[in-house]
């Protein structure tokens, strides 16, 4: 039964990947995996191959960044493990190719950029991609000169020693795909073993002592547990509901079980934190705020997209919201006096000129007005 479920999940993941690839091909999207599509195109690393042809790296397995691996207590703008610096001041991370043909970071170029900034603007913009749901953001950090080395001659081109104080974090050149090497806690099988250490659905095992999970793999966690029979093991666990990271210690027995079922792969990546989602939705709604003069044209534009042909004259003069059209129809059927009809028209006109909140109330009763857009969590 377990083998059948495992095969079903693999087939489903393959189907999802094929669907995304089809959509991206149709939309001419540079990066095929939706999890990484928030990366701005201008931050993709470019290089010239042996034939002097400009290449752009779009393969998700070749997307790299400076992963934040440690932060000081005072540094609250970046998050260890999850944050990858993919650009500095809207420019890709400078790279070079070593003698073996591998792409590595040009730290001297980075020092030169930061040294120039500390002498001028004293601020640097970091372009950051987050492994929490694969969203992109920008952080501005203040650069402070290091008074202890002010006597160093910075005019020499060969001198690329940093002349600024530490930014409060350490980084390592790593592939972005490594952020998906997580194990999702699906259900608790045996709470006698688990003892309420893990939470189903919202917990993700993202690391292990001595970095044993850093290479990823569906069977890696199982193999590590088996190698630690009757020993103590410490796991790094992230909770997506509360957006917190904690260390959990297990004393394994001879069976080396955690007392839970886990999922791994495309369907079990860490989602965007709730607070970030709410902020993104709020910013999107602010950008897409409906202007009062365009309120009446929205339903007609929606109908036009659905294939209904509407003339320009109808767009300008003939439209009345559905709920008001019904009132007008009833009034005509009763053949009220001209003064009563005029009074009704004035009332309707005043309703049409109510604030925007009237429009939002009508969304529940009118099928013509489209609901606000929903940002996909993935």
Protein backbone atom coordinates (compact mmCIF):
# COMPACT_ATOMS: atom_id res chain seq x y z
CA UNK A 1 0.00 0.00 0.00
CA UNK A 2 2.83 2.36 0.87
CA UNK A 3 4.55 1.58 -2.44
CA UNK A 4 1.36 2.38 -4.36
CA UNK A 5 0.93 5.72 -2.56
CA UNK A 6 4.58 6.57 -3.16
CA UNK A 7 4.23 5.83 -6.88
CA UNK A 8 1.02 7.89 -7.02
CA UNK A 9 2.76 10.92 -5.47
CA UNK A 10 5.63 10.64 -7.96
CA UNK A 11 3.20 10.50 -10.89
CA UNK A 12 1.32 13.50 -9.51
CA UNK A 13 4.55 15.50 -9.09
CA UNK A 14 5.56 14.64 -12.65
CA UNK A 15 2.15 15.73 -13.93
CA UNK A 16 2.37 19.03 -12.04
CA UNK A 17 5.86 19.71 -13.43
CA UNK A 18 4.73 18.94 -16.98
CA UNK A 19 1.73 21.25 -16.62
CA UNK A 20 3.90 24.11 -15.33
CA UNK A 21 6.43 23.59 -18.10
CA UNK A 22 3.61 23.73 -20.67
CA UNK A 23 2.26 26.98 -19.23
CA UNK A 24 5.70 28.55 -19.02
CA UNK A 25 6.52 27.55 -22.60
CA UNK A 26 3.32 29.21 -23.74
CA UNK A 27 4.12 32.36 -21.75
CA UNK A 28 7.80 32.31 -22.74
CA UNK A 29 8.85 32.33 -19.09
CA UNK A 30 12.60 32.15 -18.61
CA UNK A 31 12.53 29.90 -15.51
CA UNK A 32 10.44 26.76 -15.78
CA UNK A 33 9.88 26.10 -12.06
CA UNK A 34 7.22 28.38 -10.60
CA UNK A 35 8.93 28.34 -7.20
CA UNK A 36 11.78 30.40 -8.66
CA UNK A 37 9.86 32.63 -11.08
CA UNK A 38 9.84 35.59 -8.68
CA UNK A 39 13.52 36.17 -9.50
CA UNK A 40 13.73 39.28 -11.72
CA UNK A 41 15.14 38.52 -15.15
CA UNK A 42 17.85 41.17 -14.87
CA UNK A 43 19.30 39.33 -11.85
CA UNK A 44 19.89 36.09 -13.74
CA UNK A 45 23.62 35.43 -14.14
CA UNK A 46 25.00 35.93 -17.64
CA UNK A 47 28.30 34.73 -19.08
CA UNK A 48 30.08 34.16 -22.39
CA UNK A 49 30.78 30.58 -23.43
CA UNK A 50 33.78 29.26 -25.38
CA UNK A 51 32.24 30.50 -28.65
CA UNK A 52 31.83 34.02 -27.20
CA UNK A 53 28.04 33.59 -27.11
CA UNK A 54 26.15 35.28 -24.28
CA UNK A 55 24.35 32.74 -22.11
CA UNK A 56 21.71 33.32 -19.42
CA UNK A 57 21.39 30.78 -16.62
CA UNK A 58 17.73 29.73 -16.27
CA UNK A 59 18.09 26.06 -15.30
CA UNK A 60 16.87 25.79 -11.68
CA UNK A 61 19.71 23.41 -10.83
CA UNK A 62 22.22 26.09 -11.89
CA UNK A 63 20.64 29.03 -10.05
CA UNK A 64 23.02 30.10 -7.28
CA UNK A 65 23.09 32.74 -4.60
CA UNK A 66 24.90 33.78 -1.43
CA UNK A 67 22.98 31.83 1.17
CA UNK A 68 22.81 33.38 4.63
CA UNK A 69 24.13 30.67 6.95
CA UNK A 70 24.61 32.65 10.16
CA UNK A 71 23.37 35.97 11.54
CA UNK A 72 24.33 38.10 14.52
CA UNK A 73 21.71 38.94 17.14
CA UNK A 74 21.37 42.53 15.98
CA UNK A 75 20.90 41.62 12.31
CA UNK A 76 17.14 41.33 11.77
CA UNK A 77 16.87 42.11 8.05
CA UNK A 78 18.03 38.73 6.76
CA UNK A 79 17.18 35.18 7.82
CA UNK A 80 19.67 32.35 8.01
CA UNK A 81 19.06 29.20 5.96
CA UNK A 82 16.18 30.70 3.94
CA UNK A 83 17.59 33.92 2.44
CA UNK A 84 19.75 33.96 -0.70
CA UNK A 85 21.40 37.17 -1.88
CA UNK A 86 21.02 37.03 -5.67
CA UNK A 87 22.00 40.61 -6.47
CA UNK A 88 23.62 43.79 -5.17
CA UNK A 89 22.14 47.14 -6.17
CA UNK A 90 20.02 45.43 -8.85
CA UNK A 91 23.06 43.75 -10.42
CA UNK A 92 23.68 39.97 -10.44
CA UNK A 93 26.27 38.56 -8.08
CA UNK A 94 29.68 38.88 -9.84
CA UNK A 95 31.09 35.45 -10.72
CA UNK A 96 34.15 33.96 -12.38
CA UNK A 97 34.97 30.47 -13.64
CA UNK A 98 37.83 28.62 -11.98
CA UNK A 99 40.37 26.39 -13.68
CA UNK A 100 37.99 23.43 -13.49
CA UNK A 101 35.19 25.30 -15.24
CA UNK A 102 33.03 25.79 -12.14
CA UNK A 103 31.26 29.07 -11.47
CA UNK A 104 32.41 30.71 -8.24
CA UNK A 105 31.80 34.06 -6.57
CA UNK A 106 34.14 36.94 -7.31
CA UNK A 107 34.47 38.19 -3.73
CA UNK A 108 37.07 40.79 -4.74
CA UNK A 109 34.47 42.38 -7.04
CA UNK A 110 31.92 42.38 -4.20
CA UNK A 111 34.40 44.03 -1.83
CA UNK A 112 35.12 46.70 -4.43
CA UNK A 113 31.39 47.44 -4.84
CA UNK A 114 30.88 47.75 -1.08
CA UNK A 115 34.08 49.78 -0.60
CA UNK A 116 32.89 52.29 -3.20
CA UNK A 117 29.50 52.51 -1.51
CA UNK A 118 30.88 53.05 1.99
CA UNK A 119 32.83 56.04 0.66
CA UNK A 120 29.78 57.43 -1.11
CA UNK A 121 26.13 56.57 -0.51
CA UNK A 122 26.88 54.48 2.62
CA UNK A 123 23.95 52.22 1.80
CA UNK A 124 23.62 49.00 -0.17
CA UNK A 125 20.56 47.39 -1.69
CA UNK A 126 20.44 43.60 -1.40
CA UNK A 127 18.25 41.64 -3.81
CA UNK A 128 17.04 38.63 -1.84
CA UNK A 129 15.21 35.45 -2.82
CA UNK A 130 13.62 33.56 0.07
CA UNK A 131 13.25 29.80 0.39
CA UNK A 132 10.02 30.42 2.32
CA UNK A 133 7.63 30.02 -0.58
CA UNK A 134 10.09 31.32 -3.17
CA UNK A 135 9.26 35.04 -2.92
CA UNK A 136 11.54 37.97 -3.75
CA UNK A 137 12.22 41.10 -1.73
CA UNK A 138 14.75 43.92 -1.33
CA UNK A 139 16.59 45.02 1.80
CA UNK A 140 18.60 48.23 2.34
CA UNK A 141 21.57 47.96 4.70
CA UNK A 142 23.66 50.82 6.06
CA UNK A 143 27.41 50.61 5.49
CA UNK A 144 29.72 51.99 8.16
CA UNK A 145 33.45 52.59 7.59
CA UNK A 146 35.92 50.62 9.65
CA UNK A 147 37.92 53.25 11.52
CA UNK A 148 40.62 50.74 12.42
CA UNK A 149 41.83 50.44 8.82
CA UNK A 150 41.35 53.97 7.54
CA UNK A 151 45.10 54.26 6.95
CA UNK A 152 44.91 51.67 4.13
CA UNK A 153 45.39 53.17 0.67
CA UNK A 154 42.16 52.36 -1.17
CA UNK A 155 43.23 54.01 -4.41
CA UNK A 156 45.29 50.97 -5.43
CA UNK A 157 43.24 48.80 -7.76
CA UNK A 158 44.78 45.60 -6.43
CA UNK A 159 43.65 46.38 -2.88
CA UNK A 160 40.20 44.84 -2.35
CA UNK A 161 40.26 44.48 1.43
CA UNK A 162 36.93 45.46 3.02
CA UNK A 163 37.00 48.93 4.58
CA UNK A 164 33.52 48.63 6.11
CA UNK A 165 32.22 47.10 9.32
CA UNK A 166 30.63 43.66 9.30
CA UNK A 167 27.06 43.55 8.01
CA UNK A 168 26.13 41.05 10.73
CA UNK A 169 25.82 37.83 8.76
CA UNK A 170 27.85 35.16 6.98
CA UNK A 171 27.10 33.71 3.56
CA UNK A 172 27.99 30.69 1.47
CA UNK A 173 27.70 30.16 -2.30
CA UNK A 174 24.95 27.55 -2.68
CA UNK A 175 22.31 26.48 -5.23
CA UNK A 176 18.82 27.87 -4.66
CA UNK A 177 17.33 24.40 -5.15
CA UNK A 178 18.90 23.41 -1.81
CA UNK A 179 16.13 25.36 -0.07
CA UNK A 180 13.68 22.66 -1.23
CA UNK A 181 15.56 19.86 0.53
CA UNK A 182 12.98 19.69 3.33
CA UNK A 183 10.84 16.94 4.82
CA UNK A 184 7.20 17.79 5.48
CA UNK A 185 5.56 16.26 8.56
CA UNK A 186 2.27 14.87 7.23
CA UNK A 187 0.83 12.93 10.17
CA UNK A 188 1.78 11.59 13.59
CA UNK A 189 1.80 7.78 13.73
CA UNK A 190 3.02 7.06 17.23
CA UNK A 191 2.88 9.86 19.76
CA UNK A 192 4.66 7.68 22.32
CA UNK A 193 7.78 8.08 20.18
CA UNK A 194 7.08 11.62 19.00
CA UNK A 195 5.96 12.91 22.42
CA UNK A 196 4.44 16.05 20.88
CA UNK A 197 7.79 17.19 19.52
CA UNK A 198 6.53 17.58 15.94
CA UNK A 199 3.35 19.16 14.55
CA UNK A 200 1.54 17.57 11.62
CA UNK A 201 1.06 19.59 8.39
CA UNK A 202 2.87 22.74 9.53
CA UNK A 203 6.30 21.34 10.55
CA UNK A 204 9.22 20.88 8.13
CA UNK A 205 12.53 19.20 8.94
CA UNK A 206 15.07 21.45 7.23
CA UNK A 207 18.36 20.36 8.76
CA UNK A 208 20.25 18.02 11.00
CA UNK A 209 23.31 18.16 13.22
CA UNK A 210 26.62 18.36 11.37
CA UNK A 211 24.80 19.33 8.17
CA UNK A 212 23.86 15.75 7.37
CA UNK A 213 20.76 16.77 5.36
CA UNK A 214 22.40 19.46 3.22
CA UNK A 215 22.62 17.30 0.07
CA UNK A 216 18.92 16.42 0.02
CA UNK A 217 17.27 13.30 -1.29
CA UNK A 218 14.07 11.39 -0.67
CA UNK A 219 15.76 8.60 1.32
CA UNK A 220 18.45 10.67 3.00
CA UNK A 221 16.51 11.32 6.22
CA UNK A 222 15.66 7.62 6.58
CA UNK A 223 19.29 6.59 6.01
CA UNK A 224 20.56 9.08 8.60
CA UNK A 225 18.05 7.87 11.19
CA UNK A 226 19.04 4.25 10.58
CA UNK A 227 22.70 5.14 11.07
CA UNK A 228 21.83 6.71 14.44
CA UNK A 229 20.06 3.77 16.07
CA UNK A 230 20.03 3.98 19.88
CA UNK A 231 21.64 7.41 19.65
CA UNK A 232 20.53 10.99 20.16
CA UNK A 233 19.87 13.12 17.09
CA UNK A 234 19.13 16.84 16.79
CA UNK A 235 16.91 18.13 13.97
CA UNK A 236 16.22 21.70 12.83
CA UNK A 237 12.46 22.09 12.40
CA UNK A 238 10.62 25.02 10.82
CA UNK A 239 6.94 25.69 11.55
CA UNK A 240 5.14 27.44 8.70
CA UNK A 241 2.09 28.44 10.75
CA UNK A 242 4.06 30.46 13.30
CA UNK A 243 7.12 31.17 11.10
CA UNK A 244 9.60 29.96 13.71
CA UNK A 245 12.67 27.71 13.64
CA UNK A 246 13.52 25.41 16.54
CA UNK A 247 15.83 22.53 17.44
CA UNK A 248 14.21 19.20 18.32
CA UNK A 249 16.16 16.40 20.01
CA UNK A 250 15.17 12.74 19.62
CA UNK A 251 16.52 9.76 21.51
CA UNK A 252 16.26 7.02 18.89
CA UNK A 253 15.69 3.37 19.77
CA UNK A 254 16.78 0.29 17.82
CA UNK A 255 14.08 0.99 15.19
CA UNK A 256 15.23 4.61 14.71
CA UNK A 257 11.74 6.01 14.08
CA UNK A 258 10.38 9.53 14.63
CA UNK A 259 6.78 8.35 14.98
CA UNK A 260 5.49 10.31 11.98
CA UNK A 261 4.96 10.21 8.21
CA UNK A 262 6.91 12.66 6.06
CA UNK A 263 6.63 13.97 2.50
CA UNK A 264 9.42 15.11 0.21
CA UNK A 265 9.49 16.80 -3.19
CA UNK A 266 7.58 19.32 -5.26
CA UNK A 267 4.30 19.08 -3.30
CA UNK A 268 6.02 19.52 0.07
CA UNK A 269 7.95 22.75 -0.30
CA UNK A 270 7.72 25.42 2.37
CA UNK A 271 4.89 27.91 1.66
CA UNK A 272 5.04 31.69 1.92
CA UNK A 273 4.53 32.85 5.55
CA UNK A 274 1.05 34.16 6.32
CA UNK A 275 2.24 37.67 7.23
CA UNK A 276 4.13 37.95 3.95
CA UNK A 277 1.06 36.76 2.04
CA UNK A 278 -1.14 39.37 3.69
CA UNK A 279 1.40 42.10 2.95
CA UNK A 280 1.67 41.02 -0.70
CA UNK A 281 -2.12 40.96 -1.09
CA UNK A 282 -2.42 44.40 0.53
CA UNK A 283 0.24 45.88 -1.76
CA UNK A 284 -1.39 44.28 -4.79
CA UNK A 285 -4.81 45.66 -3.85
CA UNK A 286 -3.32 49.14 -3.35
CA UNK A 287 -1.79 49.01 -6.83
CA UNK A 288 -4.99 47.70 -8.39
CA UNK A 289 -7.36 50.07 -6.56
CA UNK A 290 -10.46 50.74 -8.65
CA UNK A 291 -11.08 54.37 -9.55
CA UNK A 292 -14.68 55.61 -9.06
CA UNK A 293 -15.02 56.75 -12.68
CA UNK A 294 -14.20 53.23 -13.88
CA UNK A 295 -16.51 51.29 -11.58
CA UNK A 296 -19.41 50.97 -14.04
CA UNK A 297 -17.22 49.74 -16.87
CA UNK A 298 -15.76 46.81 -14.94
CA UNK A 299 -18.69 44.37 -15.34
CA UNK A 300 -18.97 45.16 -19.04
CA UNK A 301 -15.27 44.62 -19.61
CA UNK A 302 -15.58 41.27 -17.89
CA UNK A 303 -18.51 40.30 -20.11
CA UNK A 304 -16.59 41.41 -23.16
CA UNK A 305 -13.77 39.05 -22.22
CA UNK A 306 -16.29 36.24 -21.99
CA UNK A 307 -17.24 36.73 -25.64
CA UNK A 308 -20.19 39.16 -25.43
CA UNK A 309 -19.86 41.95 -28.00
CA UNK A 310 -20.78 45.37 -26.63
CA UNK A 311 -20.72 48.60 -28.58
CA UNK A 312 -18.97 51.74 -27.38
CA UNK A 313 -22.30 53.55 -26.99
CA UNK A 314 -23.51 50.83 -24.63
CA UNK A 315 -20.32 51.16 -22.63
CA UNK A 316 -20.89 54.89 -22.18
CA UNK A 317 -24.65 55.28 -21.68
CA UNK A 318 -26.70 52.10 -21.47
CA UNK A 319 -25.18 50.29 -18.51
CA UNK A 320 -27.05 50.00 -15.20
CA UNK A 321 -26.10 47.51 -12.49
CA UNK A 322 -28.23 44.37 -12.37
CA UNK A 323 -29.90 45.11 -9.04
CA UNK A 324 -30.96 48.57 -10.24
CA UNK A 325 -32.23 47.29 -13.60
CA UNK A 326 -34.67 45.04 -11.75
CA UNK A 327 -36.03 47.99 -9.78
CA UNK A 328 -36.50 50.02 -12.97
CA UNK A 329 -38.29 47.12 -14.66
CA UNK A 330 -40.72 46.74 -11.76
CA UNK A 331 -41.38 50.46 -11.74
CA UNK A 332 -42.26 50.47 -15.46
CA UNK A 333 -44.58 47.49 -15.11
CA UNK A 334 -46.58 49.23 -12.43
CA UNK A 335 -46.84 52.35 -14.66
CA UNK A 336 -46.43 54.80 -11.82
CA UNK A 337 -47.06 58.49 -12.17
CA UNK A 338 -44.39 60.54 -13.94
CA UNK A 339 -43.45 62.34 -10.74
CA UNK A 340 -43.05 59.02 -8.89
CA UNK A 341 -40.89 57.65 -11.71
CA UNK A 342 -38.75 60.78 -11.64
CA UNK A 343 -38.35 60.41 -7.89
CA UNK A 344 -37.34 56.79 -8.36
CA UNK A 345 -34.75 57.77 -10.97
CA UNK A 346 -33.29 60.36 -8.59
CA UNK A 347 -33.06 57.76 -5.83
CA UNK A 348 -31.35 55.34 -8.18
CA UNK A 349 -28.92 58.02 -9.30
CA UNK A 350 -28.01 58.75 -5.69
CA UNK A 351 -27.39 55.04 -5.11
CA UNK A 352 -25.13 54.92 -8.14
CA UNK A 353 -23.07 57.76 -6.68
CA UNK A 354 -22.45 56.10 -3.29
CA UNK A 355 -18.87 55.49 -2.10
CA UNK A 356 -16.80 52.53 -3.24
CA UNK A 357 -18.05 50.33 -0.39
CA UNK A 358 -21.33 49.95 -2.29
CA UNK A 359 -19.40 48.31 -5.09
CA UNK A 360 -17.88 45.78 -2.74
CA UNK A 361 -21.28 44.96 -1.25
CA UNK A 362 -22.67 44.30 -4.69
CA UNK A 363 -20.05 41.65 -5.36
CA UNK A 364 -21.98 39.17 -3.27
CA UNK A 365 -25.23 39.70 -5.17
CA UNK A 366 -24.10 40.46 -8.70
CA UNK A 367 -22.47 37.83 -10.87
CA UNK A 368 -21.15 40.46 -13.27
CA UNK A 369 -18.48 41.93 -11.00
CA UNK A 370 -15.36 39.78 -10.76
CA UNK A 371 -13.98 39.09 -7.23
CA UNK A 372 -10.62 40.55 -6.21
CA UNK A 373 -7.61 38.60 -7.55
CA UNK A 374 -6.09 35.98 -5.25
CA UNK A 375 -2.31 35.59 -5.18
CA UNK A 376 -1.23 31.98 -5.52
CA UNK A 377 0.60 30.74 -2.43
CA UNK A 378 2.94 28.79 -4.58
